Structures are given as structure tokens and as C-alpha cells.
PDB file of N, CA and C in Angstrom:
ATOM      1  N   MET A   1       3.902 -28.532  51.636  1.00  0.00           N
ATOM      2  CA  MET A   1       4.593 -29.456  51.989  1.00  0.00           C
ATOM      3  C   MET A   1       6.018 -29.740  50.560  1.00  0.00           C
ATOM      4  N   THR A   2       7.251 -29.700  50.313  1.00  0.00           N
ATOM      5  CA  THR A   2       8.003 -30.224  49.436  1.00  0.00           C
ATOM      6  C   THR A   2       8.147 -31.177  48.589  1.00  0.00           C
ATOM      7  N   ASP A   3       8.322 -31.428  47.562  1.00  0.00           N
ATOM      8  CA  ASP A   3       8.236 -32.614  46.802  1.00  0.00           C
ATOM      9  C   ASP A   3       8.912 -33.730  47.752  1.00  0.00           C
ATOM     10  N   LEU A   4      10.216 -33.152  48.131  1.00  0.00           N
ATOM     11  CA  LEU A   4      10.570 -34.324  48.686  1.00  0.00           C
ATOM     12  C   LEU A   4      10.395 -35.357  49.858  1.00  0.00           C
ATOM     13  N   GLN A   5       9.429 -34.341  50.775  1.00  0.00           N
ATOM     14  CA  GLN A   5       8.970 -34.666  51.432  1.00  0.00           C
ATOM     15  C   GLN A   5       7.293 -35.912  51.111  1.00  0.00           C
ATOM     16  N   GLN A   6       7.315 -34.847  50.173  1.00  0.00           N
ATOM     17  CA  GLN A   6       6.225 -35.758  49.252  1.00  0.00           C
ATOM     18  C   GLN A   6       6.342 -36.937  49.241  1.00  0.00           C
ATOM     19  N   LYS A   7       7.517 -37.274  48.303  1.00  0.00           N
ATOM     20  CA  LYS A   7       7.661 -38.560  47.612  1.00  0.00           C
ATOM     21  C   LYS A   7       7.922 -38.668  49.329  1.00  0.00           C
ATOM     22  N   PHE A   8       8.721 -38.662  50.356  1.00  0.00           N
ATOM     23  CA  PHE A   8       8.802 -39.484  51.465  1.00  0.00           C
ATOM     24  C   PHE A   8       8.208 -40.098  52.363  1.00  0.00           C
ATOM     25  N   LEU A   9       6.643 -39.452  52.345  1.00  0.00           N
ATOM     26  CA  LEU A   9       5.483 -39.774  52.749  1.00  0.00           C
ATOM     27  C   LEU A   9       5.184 -41.339  51.495  1.00  0.00           C
ATOM     28  N   ALA A  10       4.735 -40.717  50.142  1.00  0.00           N
ATOM     29  CA  ALA A  10       4.613 -42.145  49.576  1.00  0.00           C
ATOM     30  C   ALA A  10       4.979 -43.347  49.738  1.00  0.00           C
ATOM     31  N   LEU A  11       6.531 -42.887  49.611  1.00  0.00           N
ATOM     32  CA  LEU A  11       7.692 -44.246  50.107  1.00  0.00           C
ATOM     33  C   LEU A  11       7.604 -44.801  51.020  1.00  0.00           C
ATOM     34  N   ALA A  12       7.056 -44.292  52.293  1.00  0.00           N
ATOM     35  CA  ALA A  12       6.559 -44.660  53.801  1.00  0.00           C
ATOM     36  C   ALA A  12       5.942 -45.593  53.398  1.00  0.00           C
ATOM     37  N   LYS A  13       4.895 -44.973  53.203  1.00  0.00           N
ATOM     38  CA  LYS A  13       3.008 -45.659  53.279  1.00  0.00           C
ATOM     39  C   LYS A  13       3.498 -47.063  52.328  1.00  0.00           C
ATOM     40  N   LYS A  14       4.254 -46.946  51.601  1.00  0.00           N
ATOM     41  CA  LYS A  14       4.310 -47.817  50.157  1.00  0.00           C
ATOM     42  C   LYS A  14       4.422 -49.124  51.057  1.00  0.00           C
ATOM     43  N   ARG A  15       6.131 -48.686  51.902  1.00  0.00           N
ATOM     44  CA  ARG A  15       7.116 -49.466  53.229  1.00  0.00           C
ATOM     45  C   ARG A  15       6.412 -50.383  54.140  1.00  0.00           C
ATOM     46  N   GLU A  16       5.669 -49.533  54.855  1.00  0.00           N
ATOM     47  CA  GLU A  16       4.275 -50.115  56.130  1.00  0.00           C
ATOM     48  C   GLU A  16       3.346 -51.163  54.776  1.00  0.00           C
ATOM     49  N   GLU A  17       2.948 -50.582  53.782  1.00  0.00           N
ATOM     50  CA  GLU A  17       2.149 -51.889  53.356  1.00  0.00           C
ATOM     51  C   GLU A  17       2.539 -52.761  52.984  1.00  0.00           C
ATOM     52  N   LEU A  18       3.582 -52.695  52.514  1.00  0.00           N
ATOM     53  CA  LEU A  18       5.015 -53.893  51.659  1.00  0.00           C
ATOM     54  C   LEU A  18       5.231 -54.853  52.789  1.00  0.00           C
ATOM     55  N   ALA A  19       5.757 -54.212  54.174  1.00  0.00           N
ATOM     56  CA  ALA A  19       5.121 -54.958  55.933  1.00  0.00           C
ATOM     57  C   ALA A  19       4.911 -55.341  56.197  1.00  0.00           C
ATOM     58  N   LYS A  20       3.600 -55.349  56.209  1.00  0.00           N
ATOM     59  CA  LYS A  20       2.154 -55.453  56.478  1.00  0.00           C
ATOM     60  C   LYS A  20       1.963 -57.133  55.379  1.00  0.00           C
ATOM     61  N   GLN A  21       2.021 -56.646  54.002  1.00  0.00           N
ATOM     62  CA  GLN A  21       2.337 -57.619  53.489  1.00  0.00           C
ATOM     63  C   GLN A  21       2.957 -59.320  53.575  1.00  0.00           C
ATOM     64  N   LEU A  22       4.224 -58.781  53.381  1.00  0.00           N
ATOM     65  CA  LEU A  22       5.477 -59.381  53.887  1.00  0.00           C
ATOM     66  C   LEU A  22       4.963 -60.142  54.786  1.00  0.00           C
ATOM     67  N   LYS A  23       4.699 -59.833  56.479  1.00  0.00           N
ATOM     68  CA  LYS A  23       4.592 -60.645  57.155  1.00  0.00           C
ATOM     69  C   LYS A  23       2.951 -61.531  56.812  1.00  0.00           C
ATOM     70  N   LEU A  24       2.196 -61.396  56.524  1.00  0.00           N
ATOM     71  CA  LEU A  24       0.970 -61.442  56.373  1.00  0.00           C
ATOM     72  C   LEU A  24       1.593 -63.485  54.922  1.00  0.00           C
ATOM     73  N   VAL A  25       3.012 -62.671  54.145  1.00  0.00           N
ATOM     74  CA  VAL A  25       3.494 -63.988  53.366  1.00  0.00           C
ATOM     75  C   VAL A  25       4.413 -64.610  54.224  1.00  0.00           C
ATOM     76  N   ASN A  26       4.722 -64.550  55.368  1.00  0.00           N
ATOM     77  CA  ASN A  26       5.825 -65.275  55.822  1.00  0.00           C
ATOM     78  C   ASN A  26       4.972 -65.693  56.882  1.00  0.00           C
ATOM     79  N   ASN A  27       4.073 -65.292  57.343  1.00  0.00           N
ATOM     80  CA  ASN A  27       3.358 -66.259  58.310  1.00  0.00           C
ATOM     81  C   ASN A  27       2.582 -67.137  57.367  1.00  0.00           C
ATOM     82  N   GLU A  28       2.218 -67.218  55.849  1.00  0.00           N
ATOM     83  CA  GLU A  28       1.189 -68.133  55.894  1.00  0.00           C
ATOM     84  C   GLU A  28       2.746 -69.549  55.354  1.00  0.00           C
ATOM     85  N   LEU A  29       3.744 -68.555  54.678  1.00  0.00           N
ATOM     86  CA  LEU A  29       4.775 -69.503  54.574  1.00  0.00           C
ATOM     87  C   LEU A  29       5.349 -70.632  55.372  1.00  0.00           C
ATOM     88  N   ALA A  30       5.622 -70.148  56.819  1.00  0.00           N
ATOM     89  CA  ALA A  30       5.973 -70.853  58.289  1.00  0.00           C
ATOM     90  C   ALA A  30       5.395 -71.620  57.838  1.00  0.00           C
ATOM     91  N   ASP A  31       3.883 -71.122  58.102  1.00  0.00           N
ATOM     92  CA  ASP A  31       2.406 -72.268  58.221  1.00  0.00           C
ATOM     93  C   ASP A  31       2.721 -73.294  57.350  1.00  0.00           C
ATOM     94  N   THR A  32       2.267 -73.023  56.135  1.00  0.00           N
ATOM     95  CA  THR A  32       3.383 -74.374  55.032  1.00  0.00           C
ATOM     96  C   THR A  32       4.105 -75.239  54.950  1.00  0.00           C
ATOM     97  N   MET A  33       5.592 -74.365  55.710  1.00  0.00           N
ATOM     98  CA  MET A  33       6.630 -75.779  56.210  1.00  0.00           C
ATOM     99  C   MET A  33       6.456 -76.748  57.000  1.00  0.00           C
ATOM    100  N   ARG A  34       5.749 -75.849  58.192  1.00  0.00           N
ATOM    101  CA  ARG A  34       4.630 -76.325  59.300  1.00  0.00           C
ATOM    102  C   ARG A  34       4.783 -78.209  59.174  1.00  0.00           C
ATOM    103  N   GLN A  35       4.161 -77.847  58.139  1.00  0.00           N
ATOM    104  CA  GLN A  35       3.602 -78.960  57.183  1.00  0.00           C
ATOM    105  C   GLN A  35       3.921 -80.210  56.200  1.00  0.00           C
ATOM    106  N   MET A  36       5.575 -79.700  56.332  1.00  0.00           N
ATOM    107  CA  MET A  36       6.295 -80.334  55.679  1.00  0.00           C
ATOM    108  C   MET A  36       7.397 -81.160  56.142  1.00  0.00           C
ATOM    109  N   PRO A  37       7.848 -81.860  55.970  1.00  0.00           N
ATOM    110  CA  PRO A  37       8.697 -83.203  56.536  1.00  0.00           C
ATOM    111  C   PRO A  37       9.882 -82.325  56.520  1.00  0.00           C
ATOM    112  N   LEU A  38      10.625 -82.394  57.731  1.00  0.00           N
ATOM    113  CA  LEU A  38      12.108 -81.365  57.812  1.00  0.00           C
ATOM    114  C   LEU A  38      13.341 -82.269  57.009  1.00  0.00           C
ATOM    115  N   GLY A  39      13.742 -81.597  56.179  1.00  0.00           N
ATOM    116  CA  GLY A  39      15.471 -82.236  55.491  1.00  0.00           C
ATOM    117  C   GLY A  39      14.561 -82.143  53.805  1.00  0.00           C
ATOM    118  N   GLU A  40      13.291 -82.595  53.355  1.00  0.00           N
ATOM    119  CA  GLU A  40      12.638 -82.671  52.583  1.00  0.00           C
ATOM    120  C   GLU A  40      13.074 -81.343  51.451  1.00  0.00           C
ATOM    121  N   MET A  41      14.304 -82.073  50.174  1.00  0.00           N
ATOM    122  CA  MET A  41      14.159 -81.167  48.972  1.00  0.00           C
ATOM    123  C   MET A  41      12.969 -81.630  47.828  1.00  0.00           C
ATOM    124  N   PHE A  42      12.750 -80.127  47.629  1.00  0.00           N
ATOM    125  CA  PHE A  42      12.323 -80.285  46.556  1.00  0.00           C
ATOM    126  C   PHE A  42      13.128 -79.306  45.243  1.00  0.00           C
ATOM    127  N   GLN A  43      12.255 -79.594  44.142  1.00  0.00           N
ATOM    128  CA  GLN A  43      12.956 -78.604  42.937  1.00  0.00           C
ATOM    129  C   GLN A  43      11.928 -77.431  41.882  1.00  0.00           C
ATOM    130  N   ASP A  44      12.179 -75.999  42.123  1.00  0.00           N
ATOM    131  CA  ASP A  44      11.530 -75.564  41.121  1.00  0.00           C
ATOM    132  C   ASP A  44      11.247 -75.845  39.824  1.00  0.00           C
ATOM    133  N   PRO A  45      10.680 -76.202  39.089  1.00  0.00           N
ATOM    134  CA  PRO A  45      10.785 -77.090  37.488  1.00  0.00           C
ATOM    135  C   PRO A  45      10.738 -74.939  36.749  1.00  0.00           C
ATOM    136  N   ALA A  46      10.852 -74.202  37.400  1.00  0.00           N
ATOM    137  CA  ALA A  46      10.718 -72.923  36.310  1.00  0.00           C
ATOM    138  C   ALA A  46      12.345 -72.353  36.118  1.00  0.00           C
ATOM    139  N   ASP A  47      13.290 -72.709  37.870  1.00  0.00           N
ATOM    140  CA  ASP A  47      14.159 -72.453  37.380  1.00  0.00           C
ATOM    141  C   ASP A  47      15.308 -73.121  37.713  1.00  0.00           C
ATOM    142  N   ALA A  48      14.761 -74.429  38.226  1.00  0.00           N
ATOM    143  CA  ALA A  48      16.201 -74.981  38.535  1.00  0.00           C
ATOM    144  C   ALA A  48      16.283 -75.124  39.958  1.00  0.00           C
ATOM    145  N   VAL A  49      15.779 -74.068  41.022  1.00  0.00           N
ATOM    146  CA  VAL A  49      16.516 -74.037  42.207  1.00  0.00           C
ATOM    147  C   VAL A  49      15.839 -75.139  43.255  1.00  0.00           C
ATOM    148  N   VAL A  50      16.624 -75.812  44.171  1.00  0.00           N
ATOM    149  CA  VAL A  50      15.796 -76.753  44.873  1.00  0.00           C
ATOM    150  C   VAL A  50      16.197 -76.415  46.107  1.00  0.00           C
ATOM    151  N   TYR A  51      14.746 -76.597  47.205  1.00  0.00           N
ATOM    152  CA  TYR A  51      14.767 -76.234  47.764  1.00  0.00           C
ATOM    153  C   TYR A  51      15.420 -77.460  49.004  1.00  0.00           C
ATOM    154  N   GLN A  52      14.794 -76.429  50.322  1.00  0.00           N
ATOM    155  CA  GLN A  52      15.306 -77.428  51.799  1.00  0.00           C
ATOM    156  C   GLN A  52      14.311 -77.246  52.898  1.00  0.00           C
ATOM    157  N   VAL A  53      13.770 -78.008  53.605  1.00  0.00           N
ATOM    158  CA  VAL A  53      13.121 -77.733  54.696  1.00  0.00           C
ATOM    159  C   VAL A  53      13.663 -77.993  55.709  1.00  0.00           C
ATOM    160  N   VAL A  54      14.198 -76.894  56.575  1.00  0.00           N
ATOM    161  CA  VAL A  54      15.400 -77.186  57.945  1.00  0.00           C
ATOM    162  C   VAL A  54      14.900 -75.550  58.815  1.00  0.00           C
ATOM    163  N   VAL A  55      15.679 -76.846  59.965  1.00  0.00           N
ATOM    164  CA  VAL A  55      14.937 -76.087  61.116  1.00  0.00           C
ATOM    165  C   VAL A  55      16.049 -75.343  61.159  1.00  0.00           C
ATOM    166  N   PRO A  56      16.374 -73.483  61.544  1.00  0.00           N
ATOM    167  CA  PRO A  56      17.646 -72.097  60.975  1.00  0.00           C
ATOM    168  C   PRO A  56      18.035 -72.747  62.211  1.00  0.00           C
ATOM    169  N   GLY A  57      19.459 -72.055  62.326  1.00  0.00           N
ATOM    170  CA  GLY A  57      20.544 -72.576  63.351  1.00  0.00           C
ATOM    171  C   GLY A  57      20.605 -71.286  64.252  1.00  0.00           C
ATOM    172  N   GLY A  58      19.301 -70.680  63.745  1.00  0.00           N
ATOM    173  CA  GLY A  58      19.289 -69.646  65.069  1.00  0.00           C
ATOM    174  C   GLY A  58      19.981 -68.016  65.143  1.00  0.00           C
ATOM    175  N   ILE A  59      20.465 -67.996  63.850  1.00  0.00           N
ATOM    176  CA  ILE A  59      21.100 -66.842  63.770  1.00  0.00           C
ATOM    177  C   ILE A  59      20.702 -65.430  63.432  1.00  0.00           C
ATOM    178  N   PHE A  60      18.723 -65.842  63.482  1.00  0.00           N
ATOM    179  CA  PHE A  60      18.145 -65.065  62.159  1.00  0.00           C
ATOM    180  C   PHE A  60      17.558 -63.641  63.932  1.00  0.00           C
ATOM    181  N   VAL A  61      17.524 -62.144  63.804  1.00  0.00           N
ATOM    182  CA  VAL A  61      16.835 -61.390  64.138  1.00  0.00           C
ATOM    183  C   VAL A  61      15.666 -61.297  64.839  1.00  0.00           C
ATOM    184  N   GLU A  62      14.537 -62.158  64.261  1.00  0.00           N
ATOM    185  CA  GLU A  62      13.949 -62.466  64.507  1.00  0.00           C
ATOM    186  C   GLU A  62      13.610 -64.209  64.240  1.00  0.00           C
ATOM    187  N   TYR A  63      13.662 -64.829  65.468  1.00  0.00           N
ATOM    188  CA  TYR A  63      13.544 -66.641  65.744  1.00  0.00           C
ATOM    189  C   TYR A  63      12.734 -67.259  64.862  1.00  0.00           C
ATOM    190  N   LYS A  64      12.862 -67.824  63.792  1.00  0.00           N
ATOM    191  CA  LYS A  64      12.080 -68.828  62.976  1.00  0.00           C
ATOM    192  C   LYS A  64      12.227 -70.637  63.709  1.00  0.00           C
ATOM    193  N   ASN A  65      11.098 -71.107  63.892  1.00  0.00           N
ATOM    194  CA  ASN A  65      11.162 -72.279  64.163  1.00  0.00           C
ATOM    195  C   ASN A  65      10.727 -73.290  62.925  1.00  0.00           C
ATOM    196  N   VAL A  66      11.035 -72.768  61.709  1.00  0.00           N
ATOM    197  CA  VAL A  66      11.129 -73.877  60.732  1.00  0.00           C
ATOM    198  C   VAL A  66      11.118 -72.324  59.149  1.00  0.00           C
ATOM    199  N   ASP A  67      12.305 -72.830  58.514  1.00  0.00           N
ATOM    200  CA  ASP A  67      13.049 -72.118  57.626  1.00  0.00           C
ATOM    201  C   ASP A  67      13.327 -72.798  56.088  1.00  0.00           C
ATOM    202  N   TYR A  68      13.614 -72.360  55.305  1.00  0.00           N
ATOM    203  CA  TYR A  68      13.696 -73.243  53.916  1.00  0.00           C
ATOM    204  C   TYR A  68      15.575 -72.374  53.556  1.00  0.00           C
ATOM    205  N   ILE A  69      16.388 -72.944  52.611  1.00  0.00           N
ATOM    206  CA  ILE A  69      17.569 -73.139  52.566  1.00  0.00           C
ATOM    207  C   ILE A  69      17.078 -73.494  50.910  1.00  0.00           C
ATOM    208  N   ARG A  70      17.860 -72.961  50.010  1.00  0.00           N
ATOM    209  CA  ARG A  70      18.013 -72.975  48.868  1.00  0.00           C
ATOM    210  C   ARG A  70      19.145 -73.240  47.822  1.00  0.00           C
ATOM    211  N   THR A  71      19.111 -73.919  46.381  1.00  0.00           N
ATOM    212  CA  THR A  71      20.234 -73.870  45.744  1.00  0.00           C
ATOM    213  C   THR A  71      20.644 -71.781  45.375  1.00  0.00           C
ATOM    214  N   ARG A  72      21.198 -71.246  45.076  1.00  0.00           N
ATOM    215  CA  ARG A  72      21.792 -70.018  44.280  1.00  0.00           C
ATOM    216  C   ARG A  72      21.133 -70.375  43.051  1.00  0.00           C
ATOM    217  N   ARG A  73      20.602 -68.872  42.507  1.00  0.00           N
ATOM    218  CA  ARG A  73      19.931 -68.856  41.016  1.00  0.00           C
ATOM    219  C   ARG A  73      20.717 -68.314  40.638  1.00  0.00           C
ATOM    220  N   ASP A  74      20.137 -68.550  38.646  1.00  0.00           N
ATOM    221  CA  ASP A  74      21.010 -68.137  38.007  1.00  0.00           C
ATOM    222  C   ASP A  74      21.253 -66.264  37.941  1.00  0.00           C
ATOM    223  N   GLY A  75      22.978 -66.064  37.791  1.00  0.00           N
ATOM    224  CA  GLY A  75      23.142 -65.168  38.243  1.00  0.00           C
ATOM    225  C   GLY A  75      23.520 -64.798  39.782  1.00  0.00           C
ATOM    226  N   GLU A  76      22.740 -65.852  40.443  1.00  0.00           N
ATOM    227  CA  GLU A  76      23.557 -65.417  42.270  1.00  0.00           C
ATOM    228  C   GLU A  76      25.168 -66.854  42.240  1.00  0.00           C
ATOM    229  N   THR A  77      25.933 -65.898  43.203  1.00  0.00           N
ATOM    230  CA  THR A  77      27.207 -66.560  43.741  1.00  0.00           C
ATOM    231  C   THR A  77      27.104 -67.167  44.646  1.00  0.00           C
ATOM    232  N   LYS A  78      25.488 -67.787  45.448  1.00  0.00           N
ATOM    233  CA  LYS A  78      25.713 -68.621  46.227  1.00  0.00           C
ATOM    234  C   LYS A  78      24.716 -68.705  46.725  1.00  0.00           C
ATOM    235  N   GLY A  79      24.449 -69.771  47.638  1.00  0.00           N
ATOM    236  CA  GLY A  79      22.807 -70.430  47.639  1.00  0.00           C
ATOM    237  C   GLY A  79      23.149 -70.761  48.921  1.00  0.00           C
ATOM    238  N   SER A  80      22.400 -71.179  49.957  1.00  0.00           N
ATOM    239  CA  SER A  80      22.181 -71.865  50.764  1.00  0.00           C
ATOM    240  C   SER A  80      22.246 -72.821  51.403  1.00  0.00           C
ATOM    241  N   LEU A  81      21.637 -73.515  50.356  1.00  0.00           N
ATOM    242  CA  LEU A  81      21.902 -75.426  50.232  1.00  0.00           C
ATOM    243  C   LEU A  81      22.487 -75.100  49.421  1.00  0.00           C
ATOM    244  N   SER A  82      23.919 -76.149  49.334  1.00  0.00           N
ATOM    245  CA  SER A  82      24.691 -76.121  47.896  1.00  0.00           C
ATOM    246  C   SER A  82      24.614 -77.221  47.452  1.00  0.00           C
ATOM    247  N   MET A  83      24.629 -76.399  45.471  1.00  0.00           N
ATOM    248  CA  MET A  83      24.101 -77.813  44.800  1.00  0.00           C
ATOM    249  C   MET A  83      25.518 -78.594  44.365  1.00  0.00           C
ATOM    250  N   LYS A  84      26.192 -78.925  44.903  1.00  0.00           N
ATOM    251  CA  LYS A  84      26.468 -80.431  45.252  1.00  0.00           C
ATOM    252  C   LYS A  84      25.923 -81.398  45.957  1.00  0.00           C
ATOM    253  N   GLU A  85      24.964 -80.999  47.099  1.00  0.00           N
ATOM    254  CA  GLU A  85      24.038 -81.604  48.209  1.00  0.00           C
ATOM    255  C   GLU A  85      23.066 -82.024  46.967  1.00  0.00           C
ATOM    256  N   ALA A  86      22.144 -81.017  46.339  1.00  0.00           N
ATOM    257  CA  ALA A  86      21.128 -80.960  46.281  1.00  0.00           C
ATOM    258  C   ALA A  86      21.714 -81.593  44.918  1.00  0.00           C
ATOM    259  N   ASN A  87      22.667 -81.747  44.264  1.00  0.00           N
ATOM    260  CA  ASN A  87      23.033 -82.914  42.449  1.00  0.00           C
ATOM    261  C   ASN A  87      22.762 -84.176  43.271  1.00  0.00           C
ATOM    262  N   ALA A  88      23.702 -84.703  44.130  1.00  0.00           N
ATOM    263  CA  ALA A  88      23.829 -85.755  45.683  1.00  0.00           C
ATOM    264  C   ALA A  88      22.974 -86.532  45.799  1.00  0.00           C
ATOM    265  N   ALA A  89      21.547 -85.458  45.791  1.00  0.00           N
ATOM    266  CA  ALA A  89      19.963 -86.267  46.481  1.00  0.00           C
ATOM    267  C   ALA A  89      19.404 -86.447  44.874  1.00  0.00           C
ATOM    268  N   GLY A  90      19.704 -86.158  43.945  1.00  0.00           N
ATOM    269  CA  GLY A  90      19.519 -86.421  42.447  1.00  0.00           C
ATOM    270  C   GLY A  90      18.869 -85.459  41.533  1.00  0.00           C
ATOM    271  N   PHE A  91      19.029 -83.705  42.454  1.00  0.00           N
ATOM    272  CA  PHE A  91      18.812 -82.664  41.289  1.00  0.00           C
ATOM    273  C   PHE A  91      19.183 -82.597  40.383  1.00  0.00           C
ATOM    274  N   VAL A  92      18.594 -82.200  38.727  1.00  0.00           N
ATOM    275  CA  VAL A  92      19.585 -81.961  37.744  1.00  0.00           C
ATOM    276  C   VAL A  92      19.756 -80.480  37.965  1.00  0.00           C
ATOM    277  N   PHE A  93      20.583 -79.790  37.507  1.00  0.00           N
ATOM    278  CA  PHE A  93      20.621 -78.427  37.337  1.00  0.00           C
ATOM    279  C   PHE A  93      20.269 -77.464  35.385  1.00  0.00           C
ATOM    280  N   TRP A  94      20.281 -76.180  35.302  1.00  0.00           N
ATOM    281  CA  TRP A  94      20.228 -76.029  34.568  1.00  0.00           C
ATOM    282  C   TRP A  94      21.396 -76.260  33.298  1.00  0.00           C
ATOM    283  N   GLU A  95      21.626 -76.546  32.252  1.00  0.00           N
ATOM    284  CA  GLU A  95      22.727 -76.275  31.395  1.00  0.00           C
ATOM    285  C   GLU A  95      23.625 -75.223  31.525  1.00  0.00           C
ATOM    286  N   GLY A  96      24.731 -75.992  32.051  1.00  0.00           N
ATOM    287  CA  GLY A  96      26.282 -74.316  31.937  1.00  0.00           C
ATOM    288  C   GLY A  96      25.507 -74.051  33.848  1.00  0.00           C
ATOM    289  N   ALA A  97      25.372 -74.612  34.467  1.00  0.00           N
ATOM    290  CA  ALA A  97      25.160 -73.795  35.700  1.00  0.00           C
ATOM    291  C   ALA A  97      26.340 -74.910  36.790  1.00  0.00           C
ATOM    292  N   LYS A  98      27.148 -73.802  37.413  1.00  0.00           N
ATOM    293  CA  LYS A  98      28.630 -74.696  38.177  1.00  0.00           C
ATOM    294  C   LYS A  98      28.267 -75.324  39.300  1.00  0.00           C
ATOM    295  N   GLN A  99      28.888 -75.732  38.992  1.00  0.00           N
ATOM    296  CA  GLN A  99      28.020 -76.822  40.674  1.00  0.00           C
ATOM    297  C   GLN A  99      29.367 -76.864  41.443  1.00  0.00           C
TER     298      GLN A  99
END
């Protein structure tokens, strides 16, 4: 077996393990969101990102009946929740964040 084939197999196995972990996390996250009020916004004190629990617009390949949207993180150009909307809801962002 070549080194490249060995690398491929290691990466494929790692990918499959990560996919299993992601599925478990996605299920747990969905269960948690189902217990939260739709439309609820809250802010992560660590990075000032604001999240909102929403019903998705049906654009996902994997249908979800509950999801979240969030403001952009520092360094990102856009988030799925506008900073202006989160600011209007009373959330405060880090100094220098463009709204």
C-alpha cells in the first residue's frame, strides 16, 4: 500500500468518525433547541455573537424543523442574523464591530 493510500484511509476513517460525532451533536442540539422558545435571542458572552432560535426556511438538504441563526463572528463578513436586528433587541457588541 502506498503512503498516499494510507493517508487516504486514515483521513477517510477520521472523516467517518467526525460525521458520527457531528450527527450526535446535531441531534442533541436539535433536541435542546426544541425546548427553547422560537424567536428567543441570546448572546454568547465570550465573543458577543447573538443567536436566535428559528424555524428554517426550507433551504437545507437535510430538513430540520428547528435551527438557529446568529450574528457574524469577528473576522466574518456576514452572519445569518443581522447585527442591526440584534442591536435593536438590546444586545451590545464588542468595540469596533461594524453594524
